[in-house]
Amino acid sequence: MKFKAEVRVELKPGVLDAEGKTTQKSLKLLGYPVSNVKKINFYEIEVDVNSAENAKAVIEDACRRLLANPVIHNYGIEVTEMNNSI
């Protein structure tokens, strides 16, 4: 079975988001009325496993090992079964 995992990785509260702050300043300089910008990474990953539970376990492991740094990041995972019909 094929599953799609959507992973959102963002900085924990209190961790400086330098890229978000720089983007916010640039948008303000361009005249946009923004008050806050956060940089968030979003991954869409397809996995071939036999259940949604296994798909989530595979993606949890990938998050712990590569996609997120547990010291500075929080992450969330949504897993859905992919429809194989066209």
PDB file of N, CA and C in Angstrom:
ATOM      1  N   MET A   1       0.844  -1.176   0.000  1.00  0.00           N
ATOM      2  CA  MET A   1       0.000   0.000   0.000  1.00  0.00           C
ATOM      3  C   MET A   1       0.891   1.243   0.000  1.00  0.00           C
ATOM      4  N   LYS A   2       0.369   2.289  -0.569  1.00  0.00           N
ATOM      5  CA  LYS A   2       1.130   3.531  -0.640  1.00  0.00           C
ATOM      6  C   LYS A   2       0.437   4.583   0.228  1.00  0.00           C
ATOM      7  N   PHE A   3       1.238   5.278   1.018  1.00  0.00           N
ATOM      8  CA  PHE A   3       0.731   6.327   1.892  1.00  0.00           C
ATOM      9  C   PHE A   3       1.477   7.623   1.628  1.00  0.00           C
ATOM     10  N   LYS A   4       0.783   8.723   1.852  1.00  0.00           N
ATOM     11  CA  LYS A   4       1.401  10.041   1.738  1.00  0.00           C
ATOM     12  C   LYS A   4       1.493  10.626   3.141  1.00  0.00           C
ATOM     13  N   ALA A   5       2.677  11.080   3.476  1.00  0.00           N
ATOM     14  CA  ALA A   5       2.898  11.739   4.766  1.00  0.00           C
ATOM     15  C   ALA A   5       3.199  13.206   4.508  1.00  0.00           C
ATOM     16  N   GLU A   6       2.511  14.060   5.243  1.00  0.00           N
ATOM     17  CA  GLU A   6       2.795  15.488   5.210  1.00  0.00           C
ATOM     18  C   GLU A   6       3.431  15.851   6.534  1.00  0.00           C
ATOM     19  N   VAL A   7       4.631  16.406   6.457  1.00  0.00           N
ATOM     20  CA  VAL A   7       5.414  16.715   7.659  1.00  0.00           C
ATOM     21  C   VAL A   7       5.658  18.220   7.718  1.00  0.00           C
ATOM     22  N   ARG A   8       5.336  18.805   8.856  1.00  0.00           N
ATOM     23  CA  ARG A   8       5.550  20.240   9.084  1.00  0.00           C
ATOM     24  C   ARG A   8       6.591  20.368  10.191  1.00  0.00           C
ATOM     25  N   VAL A   9       7.694  21.048   9.871  1.00  0.00           N
ATOM     26  CA  VAL A   9       8.788  21.231  10.830  1.00  0.00           C
ATOM     27  C   VAL A   9       8.957  22.729  11.077  1.00  0.00           C
ATOM     28  N   GLU A  10       8.855  23.118  12.344  1.00  0.00           N
ATOM     29  CA  GLU A  10       9.003  24.537  12.690  1.00  0.00           C
ATOM     30  C   GLU A  10       9.847  24.681  13.945  1.00  0.00           C
ATOM     31  N   LEU A  11      10.377  25.877  14.122  1.00  0.00           N
ATOM     32  CA  LEU A  11      11.203  26.148  15.301  1.00  0.00           C
ATOM     33  C   LEU A  11      10.341  26.164  16.557  1.00  0.00           C
ATOM     34  N   LYS A  12      10.916  25.693  17.641  1.00  0.00           N
ATOM     35  CA  LYS A  12      10.226  25.735  18.927  1.00  0.00           C
ATOM     36  C   LYS A  12      10.080  27.186  19.380  1.00  0.00           C
ATOM     37  N   PRO A  13       9.073  27.463  20.202  1.00  0.00           N
ATOM     38  CA  PRO A  13       8.939  28.820  20.755  1.00  0.00           C
ATOM     39  C   PRO A  13      10.217  29.224  21.494  1.00  0.00           C
ATOM     40  N   GLY A  14      10.651  30.447  21.276  1.00  0.00           N
ATOM     41  CA  GLY A  14      11.848  30.948  21.935  1.00  0.00           C
ATOM     42  C   GLY A  14      13.122  30.788  21.130  1.00  0.00           C
ATOM     43  N   VAL A  15      13.078  29.986  20.061  1.00  0.00           N
ATOM     44  CA  VAL A  15      14.251  29.824  19.196  1.00  0.00           C
ATOM     45  C   VAL A  15      14.191  30.908  18.124  1.00  0.00           C
ATOM     46  N   LEU A  16      15.285  31.635  17.963  1.00  0.00           N
ATOM     47  CA  LEU A  16      15.336  32.736  17.009  1.00  0.00           C
ATOM     48  C   LEU A  16      15.133  32.228  15.583  1.00  0.00           C
ATOM     49  N   ASP A  17      14.181  32.818  14.883  1.00  0.00           N
ATOM     50  CA  ASP A  17      13.903  32.502  13.486  1.00  0.00           C
ATOM     51  C   ASP A  17      14.503  33.620  12.633  1.00  0.00           C
ATOM     52  N   ALA A  18      15.803  33.537  12.398  1.00  0.00           N
ATOM     53  CA  ALA A  18      16.508  34.595  11.669  1.00  0.00           C
ATOM     54  C   ALA A  18      15.965  34.770  10.260  1.00  0.00           C
ATOM     55  N   GLU A  19      15.658  33.675   9.591  1.00  0.00           N
ATOM     56  CA  GLU A  19      15.143  33.778   8.220  1.00  0.00           C
ATOM     57  C   GLU A  19      13.761  34.425   8.203  1.00  0.00           C
ATOM     58  N   GLY A  20      12.919  34.061   9.153  1.00  0.00           N
ATOM     59  CA  GLY A  20      11.601  34.677   9.251  1.00  0.00           C
ATOM     60  C   GLY A  20      11.695  36.166   9.543  1.00  0.00           C
ATOM     61  N   LYS A  21      12.575  36.555  10.459  1.00  0.00           N
ATOM     62  CA  LYS A  21      12.738  37.972  10.810  1.00  0.00           C
ATOM     63  C   LYS A  21      13.281  38.775   9.627  1.00  0.00           C
ATOM     64  N   THR A  22      14.246  38.208   8.903  1.00  0.00           N
ATOM     65  CA  THR A  22      14.805  38.892   7.740  1.00  0.00           C
ATOM     66  C   THR A  22      13.736  39.081   6.664  1.00  0.00           C
ATOM     67  N   THR A  23      12.946  38.052   6.445  1.00  0.00           N
ATOM     68  CA  THR A  23      11.856  38.135   5.460  1.00  0.00           C
ATOM     69  C   THR A  23      10.825  39.169   5.891  1.00  0.00           C
ATOM     70  N   GLN A  24      10.509  39.193   7.178  1.00  0.00           N
ATOM     71  CA  GLN A  24       9.556  40.178   7.706  1.00  0.00           C
ATOM     72  C   GLN A  24      10.053  41.602   7.450  1.00  0.00           C
ATOM     73  N   LYS A  25      11.316  41.853   7.756  1.00  0.00           N
ATOM     74  CA  LYS A  25      11.891  43.186   7.541  1.00  0.00           C
ATOM     75  C   LYS A  25      11.857  43.568   6.065  1.00  0.00           C
ATOM     76  N   SER A  26      12.191  42.620   5.187  1.00  0.00           N
ATOM     77  CA  SER A  26      12.191  42.895   3.753  1.00  0.00           C
ATOM     78  C   SER A  26      10.783  43.191   3.250  1.00  0.00           C
ATOM     79  N   LEU A  27       9.803  42.434   3.716  1.00  0.00           N
ATOM     80  CA  LEU A  27       8.418  42.676   3.310  1.00  0.00           C
ATOM     81  C   LEU A  27       7.945  44.054   3.777  1.00  0.00           C
ATOM     82  N   LYS A  28       8.329  44.439   4.995  1.00  0.00           N
ATOM     83  CA  LYS A  28       7.965  45.775   5.498  1.00  0.00           C
ATOM     84  C   LYS A  28       8.607  46.865   4.646  1.00  0.00           C
ATOM     85  N   LEU A  29       9.881  46.673   4.276  1.00  0.00           N
ATOM     86  CA  LEU A  29      10.562  47.649   3.425  1.00  0.00           C
ATOM     87  C   LEU A  29       9.879  47.791   2.064  1.00  0.00           C
ATOM     88  N   LEU A  30       9.267  46.722   1.603  1.00  0.00           N
ATOM     89  CA  LEU A  30       8.549  46.755   0.333  1.00  0.00           C
ATOM     90  C   LEU A  30       7.123  47.301   0.479  1.00  0.00           C
ATOM     91  N   GLY A  31       6.753  47.653   1.712  1.00  0.00           N
ATOM     92  CA  GLY A  31       5.454  48.270   1.939  1.00  0.00           C
ATOM     93  C   GLY A  31       4.335  47.330   2.340  1.00  0.00           C
ATOM     94  N   TYR A  32       4.637  46.068   2.594  1.00  0.00           N
ATOM     95  CA  TYR A  32       3.596  45.131   3.017  1.00  0.00           C
ATOM     96  C   TYR A  32       3.334  45.288   4.514  1.00  0.00           C
ATOM     97  N   PRO A  33       2.063  45.307   4.924  1.00  0.00           N
ATOM     98  CA  PRO A  33       1.726  45.518   6.334  1.00  0.00           C
ATOM     99  C   PRO A  33       1.788  44.212   7.145  1.00  0.00           C
ATOM    100  N   VAL A  34       2.971  43.609   7.234  1.00  0.00           N
ATOM    101  CA  VAL A  34       3.121  42.342   7.961  1.00  0.00           C
ATOM    102  C   VAL A  34       3.601  42.613   9.384  1.00  0.00           C
ATOM    103  N   SER A  35       3.155  41.749  10.296  1.00  0.00           N
ATOM    104  CA  SER A  35       3.587  41.911  11.682  1.00  0.00           C
ATOM    105  C   SER A  35       4.441  40.737  12.172  1.00  0.00           C
ATOM    106  N   ASN A  36       4.373  39.600  11.476  1.00  0.00           N
ATOM    107  CA  ASN A  36       5.182  38.457  11.888  1.00  0.00           C
ATOM    108  C   ASN A  36       5.324  37.495  10.711  1.00  0.00           C
ATOM    109  N   VAL A  37       6.506  36.918  10.559  1.00  0.00           N
ATOM    110  CA  VAL A  37       6.767  35.909   9.535  1.00  0.00           C
ATOM    111  C   VAL A  37       7.519  34.768  10.205  1.00  0.00           C
ATOM    112  N   LYS A  38       7.052  33.524   9.981  1.00  0.00           N
ATOM    113  CA  LYS A  38       7.729  32.328  10.480  1.00  0.00           C
ATOM    114  C   LYS A  38       8.147  31.481   9.293  1.00  0.00           C
ATOM    115  N   LYS A  39       9.352  30.960   9.343  1.00  0.00           N
ATOM    116  CA  LYS A  39       9.837  30.024   8.327  1.00  0.00           C
ATOM    117  C   LYS A  39       9.453  28.629   8.789  1.00  0.00           C
ATOM    118  N   ILE A  40       8.682  27.917   7.974  1.00  0.00           N
ATOM    119  CA  ILE A  40       8.248  26.560   8.290  1.00  0.00           C
ATOM    120  C   ILE A  40       8.599  25.665   7.110  1.00  0.00           C
ATOM    121  N   ASN A  41       9.208  24.528   7.397  1.00  0.00           N
ATOM    122  CA  ASN A  41       9.509  23.552   6.349  1.00  0.00           C
ATOM    123  C   ASN A  41       8.359  22.565   6.241  1.00  0.00           C
ATOM    124  N   PHE A  42       7.966  22.245   5.009  1.00  0.00           N
ATOM    125  CA  PHE A  42       6.886  21.303   4.750  1.00  0.00           C
ATOM    126  C   PHE A  42       7.401  20.234   3.801  1.00  0.00           C
ATOM    127  N   TYR A  43       7.234  18.978   4.196  1.00  0.00           N
ATOM    128  CA  TYR A  43       7.666  17.855   3.368  1.00  0.00           C
ATOM    129  C   TYR A  43       6.453  16.999   3.024  1.00  0.00           C
ATOM    130  N   GLU A  44       6.386  16.556   1.780  1.00  0.00           N
ATOM    131  CA  GLU A  44       5.383  15.587   1.352  1.00  0.00           C
ATOM    132  C   GLU A  44       6.147  14.355   0.919  1.00  0.00           C
ATOM    133  N   ILE A  45       5.918  13.249   1.616  1.00  0.00           N
ATOM    134  CA  ILE A  45       6.716  12.043   1.412  1.00  0.00           C
ATOM    135  C   ILE A  45       5.781  10.871   1.142  1.00  0.00           C
ATOM    136  N   GLU A  46       6.063  10.101   0.098  1.00  0.00           N
ATOM    137  CA  GLU A  46       5.300   8.897  -0.203  1.00  0.00           C
ATOM    138  C   GLU A  46       6.085   7.689   0.301  1.00  0.00           C
ATOM    139  N   VAL A  47       5.382   6.779   0.976  1.00  0.00           N
ATOM    140  CA  VAL A  47       6.022   5.566   1.498  1.00  0.00           C
ATOM    141  C   VAL A  47       5.195   4.347   1.107  1.00  0.00           C
ATOM    142  N   ASP A  48       5.891   3.254   0.819  1.00  0.00           N
ATOM    143  CA  ASP A  48       5.250   1.977   0.478  1.00  0.00           C
ATOM    144  C   ASP A  48       5.395   1.029   1.657  1.00  0.00           C
ATOM    145  N   VAL A  49       4.342   0.937   2.448  1.00  0.00           N
ATOM    146  CA  VAL A  49       4.309   0.042   3.610  1.00  0.00           C
ATOM    147  C   VAL A  49       2.919  -0.580   3.686  1.00  0.00           C
ATOM    148  N   ASN A  50       2.710  -1.481   4.656  1.00  0.00           N
ATOM    149  CA  ASN A  50       1.447  -2.216   4.702  1.00  0.00           C
ATOM    150  C   ASN A  50       0.358  -1.585   5.574  1.00  0.00           C
ATOM    151  N   SER A  51       0.653  -0.476   6.287  1.00  0.00           N
ATOM    152  CA  SER A  51      -0.390   0.137   7.115  1.00  0.00           C
ATOM    153  C   SER A  51      -0.042   1.597   7.414  1.00  0.00           C
ATOM    154  N   ALA A  52      -1.060   2.343   7.799  1.00  0.00           N
ATOM    155  CA  ALA A  52      -0.858   3.747   8.176  1.00  0.00           C
ATOM    156  C   ALA A  52       0.042   3.848   9.406  1.00  0.00           C
ATOM    157  N   GLU A  53      -0.086   2.892  10.316  1.00  0.00           N
ATOM    158  CA  GLU A  53       0.753   2.897  11.516  1.00  0.00           C
ATOM    159  C   GLU A  53       2.226   2.738  11.152  1.00  0.00           C
ATOM    160  N   ASN A  54       2.501   1.831  10.209  1.00  0.00           N
ATOM    161  CA  ASN A  54       3.894   1.651   9.765  1.00  0.00           C
ATOM    162  C   ASN A  54       4.404   2.879   9.024  1.00  0.00           C
ATOM    163  N   ALA A  55       3.535   3.498   8.236  1.00  0.00           N
ATOM    164  CA  ALA A  55       3.927   4.722   7.527  1.00  0.00           C
ATOM    165  C   ALA A  55       4.311   5.799   8.530  1.00  0.00           C
ATOM    166  N   LYS A  56       3.491   5.958   9.564  1.00  0.00           N
ATOM    167  CA  LYS A  56       3.798   6.978  10.574  1.00  0.00           C
ATOM    168  C   LYS A  56       5.106   6.651  11.299  1.00  0.00           C
ATOM    169  N   ALA A  57       5.332   5.370  11.590  1.00  0.00           N
ATOM    170  CA  ALA A  57       6.566   4.970  12.277  1.00  0.00           C
ATOM    171  C   ALA A  57       7.794   5.278  11.417  1.00  0.00           C
ATOM    172  N   VAL A  58       7.707   5.008  10.119  1.00  0.00           N
ATOM    173  CA  VAL A  58       8.821   5.291   9.200  1.00  0.00           C
ATOM    174  C   VAL A  58       9.107   6.794   9.185  1.00  0.00           C
ATOM    175  N   ILE A  59       8.063   7.595   9.087  1.00  0.00           N
ATOM    176  CA  ILE A  59       8.244   9.048   9.008  1.00  0.00           C
ATOM    177  C   ILE A  59       8.715   9.613  10.349  1.00  0.00           C
ATOM    178  N   GLU A  60       8.212   9.082  11.459  1.00  0.00           N
ATOM    179  CA  GLU A  60       8.705   9.505  12.786  1.00  0.00           C
ATOM    180  C   GLU A  60      10.210   9.285  12.874  1.00  0.00           C
ATOM    181  N   ASP A  61      10.664   8.121  12.408  1.00  0.00           N
ATOM    182  CA  ASP A  61      12.094   7.822  12.435  1.00  0.00           C
ATOM    183  C   ASP A  61      12.869   8.798  11.549  1.00  0.00           C
ATOM    184  N   ALA A  62      12.327   9.092  10.364  1.00  0.00           N
ATOM    185  CA  ALA A  62      12.995  10.049   9.465  1.00  0.00           C
ATOM    186  C   ALA A  62      13.076  11.435  10.105  1.00  0.00           C
ATOM    187  N   CYS A  63      12.025  11.827  10.817  1.00  0.00           N
ATOM    188  CA  CYS A  63      12.041  13.128  11.499  1.00  0.00           C
ATOM    189  C   CYS A  63      13.113  13.162  12.578  1.00  0.00           C
ATOM    190  N   ARG A  64      13.174  12.110  13.381  1.00  0.00           N
ATOM    191  CA  ARG A  64      14.164  12.061  14.461  1.00  0.00           C
ATOM    192  C   ARG A  64      15.591  12.008  13.930  1.00  0.00           C
ATOM    193  N   ARG A  65      15.794  11.324  12.799  1.00  0.00           N
ATOM    194  CA  ARG A  65      17.143  11.123  12.283  1.00  0.00           C
ATOM    195  C   ARG A  65      17.616  12.196  11.321  1.00  0.00           C
ATOM    196  N   LEU A  66      16.676  12.898  10.628  1.00  0.00           N
ATOM    197  CA  LEU A  66      17.126  13.812   9.590  1.00  0.00           C
ATOM    198  C   LEU A  66      16.314  15.105   9.468  1.00  0.00           C
ATOM    199  N   LEU A  67      15.009  15.008   9.434  1.00  0.00           N
ATOM    200  CA  LEU A  67      14.190  16.160   9.060  1.00  0.00           C
ATOM    201  C   LEU A  67      14.082  17.233  10.139  1.00  0.00           C
ATOM    202  N   ALA A  68      14.204  16.843  11.405  1.00  0.00           N
ATOM    203  CA  ALA A  68      14.048  17.802  12.497  1.00  0.00           C
ATOM    204  C   ALA A  68      15.143  17.602  13.541  1.00  0.00           C
ATOM    205  N   ASN A  69      15.573  18.711  14.115  1.00  0.00           N
ATOM    206  CA  ASN A  69      16.506  18.673  15.243  1.00  0.00           C
ATOM    207  C   ASN A  69      15.659  18.796  16.502  1.00  0.00           C
ATOM    208  N   PRO A  70      15.585  17.753  17.338  1.00  0.00           N
ATOM    209  CA  PRO A  70      14.691  17.785  18.493  1.00  0.00           C
ATOM    210  C   PRO A  70      15.010  18.877  19.515  1.00  0.00           C
ATOM    211  N   VAL A  71      16.193  19.436  19.460  1.00  0.00           N
ATOM    212  CA  VAL A  71      16.561  20.504  20.387  1.00  0.00           C
ATOM    213  C   VAL A  71      15.867  21.807  20.003  1.00  0.00           C
ATOM    214  N   ILE A  72      15.722  22.070  18.702  1.00  0.00           N
ATOM    215  CA  ILE A  72      15.179  23.364  18.269  1.00  0.00           C
ATOM    216  C   ILE A  72      13.881  23.281  17.469  1.00  0.00           C
ATOM    217  N   HIS A  73      13.462  22.064  17.065  1.00  0.00           N
ATOM    218  CA  HIS A  73      12.280  21.936  16.211  1.00  0.00           C
ATOM    219  C   HIS A  73      11.138  21.163  16.869  1.00  0.00           C
ATOM    220  N   ASN A  74       9.924  21.547  16.530  1.00  0.00           N
ATOM    221  CA  ASN A  74       8.725  20.743  16.728  1.00  0.00           C
ATOM    222  C   ASN A  74       8.296  20.268  15.349  1.00  0.00           C
ATOM    223  N   TYR A  75       7.639  19.108  15.289  1.00  0.00           N
ATOM    224  CA  TYR A  75       7.137  18.646  13.997  1.00  0.00           C
ATOM    225  C   TYR A  75       5.804  17.936  14.179  1.00  0.00           C
ATOM    226  N   GLY A  76       5.041  17.943  13.099  1.00  0.00           N
ATOM    227  CA  GLY A  76       3.768  17.248  13.071  1.00  0.00           C
ATOM    228  C   GLY A  76       3.680  16.402  11.816  1.00  0.00           C
ATOM    229  N   ILE A  77       2.973  15.280  11.915  1.00  0.00           N
ATOM    230  CA  ILE A  77       2.871  14.349  10.799  1.00  0.00           C
ATOM    231  C   ILE A  77       1.402  14.010  10.555  1.00  0.00           C
ATOM    232  N   GLU A  78       0.995  14.083   9.295  1.00  0.00           N
ATOM    233  CA  GLU A  78      -0.331  13.632   8.860  1.00  0.00           C
ATOM    234  C   GLU A  78      -0.114  12.557   7.811  1.00  0.00           C
ATOM    235  N   VAL A  79      -0.722  11.384   7.999  1.00  0.00           N
ATOM    236  CA  VAL A  79      -0.570  10.276   7.062  1.00  0.00           C
ATOM    237  C   VAL A  79      -1.925   9.947   6.452  1.00  0.00           C
ATOM    238  N   THR A  80      -1.964   9.821   5.128  1.00  0.00           N
ATOM    239  CA  THR A  80      -3.186   9.414   4.433  1.00  0.00           C
ATOM    240  C   THR A  80      -2.844   8.343   3.408  1.00  0.00           C
ATOM    241  N   GLU A  81      -3.793   7.434   3.195  1.00  0.00           N
ATOM    242  CA  GLU A  81      -3.608   6.405   2.184  1.00  0.00           C
ATOM    243  C   GLU A  81      -3.822   7.025   0.816  1.00  0.00           C
ATOM    244  N   MET A  82      -2.949   6.671  -0.109  1.00  0.00           N
ATOM    245  CA  MET A  82      -3.060   7.209  -1.461  1.00  0.00           C
ATOM    246  C   MET A  82      -3.991   6.336  -2.280  1.00  0.00           C
ATOM    247  N   ASN A  83      -4.786   6.987  -3.117  1.00  0.00           N
ATOM    248  CA  ASN A  83      -5.692   6.290  -4.007  1.00  0.00           C
ATOM    249  C   ASN A  83      -4.917   5.871  -5.243  1.00  0.00           C
ATOM    250  N   ASN A  84      -4.888   4.576  -5.541  1.00  0.00           N
ATOM    251  CA  ASN A  84      -4.106   4.079  -6.675  1.00  0.00           C
ATOM    252  C   ASN A  84      -4.836   4.186  -8.007  1.00  0.00           C
ATOM    253  N   SER A  85      -6.115   4.510  -7.993  1.00  0.00           N
ATOM    254  CA  SER A  85      -6.851   4.616  -9.258  1.00  0.00           C
ATOM    255  C   SER A  85      -6.588   5.963  -9.908  1.00  0.00           C
ATOM    256  N   ILE A  86      -6.720   5.990 -11.211  1.00  0.00           N
ATOM    257  CA  ILE A  86      -6.473   7.229 -11.967  1.00  0.00           C
ATOM    258  C   ILE A  86      -7.755   7.999 -12.151  1.00  0.00           C
TER     259      ILE A  86
END
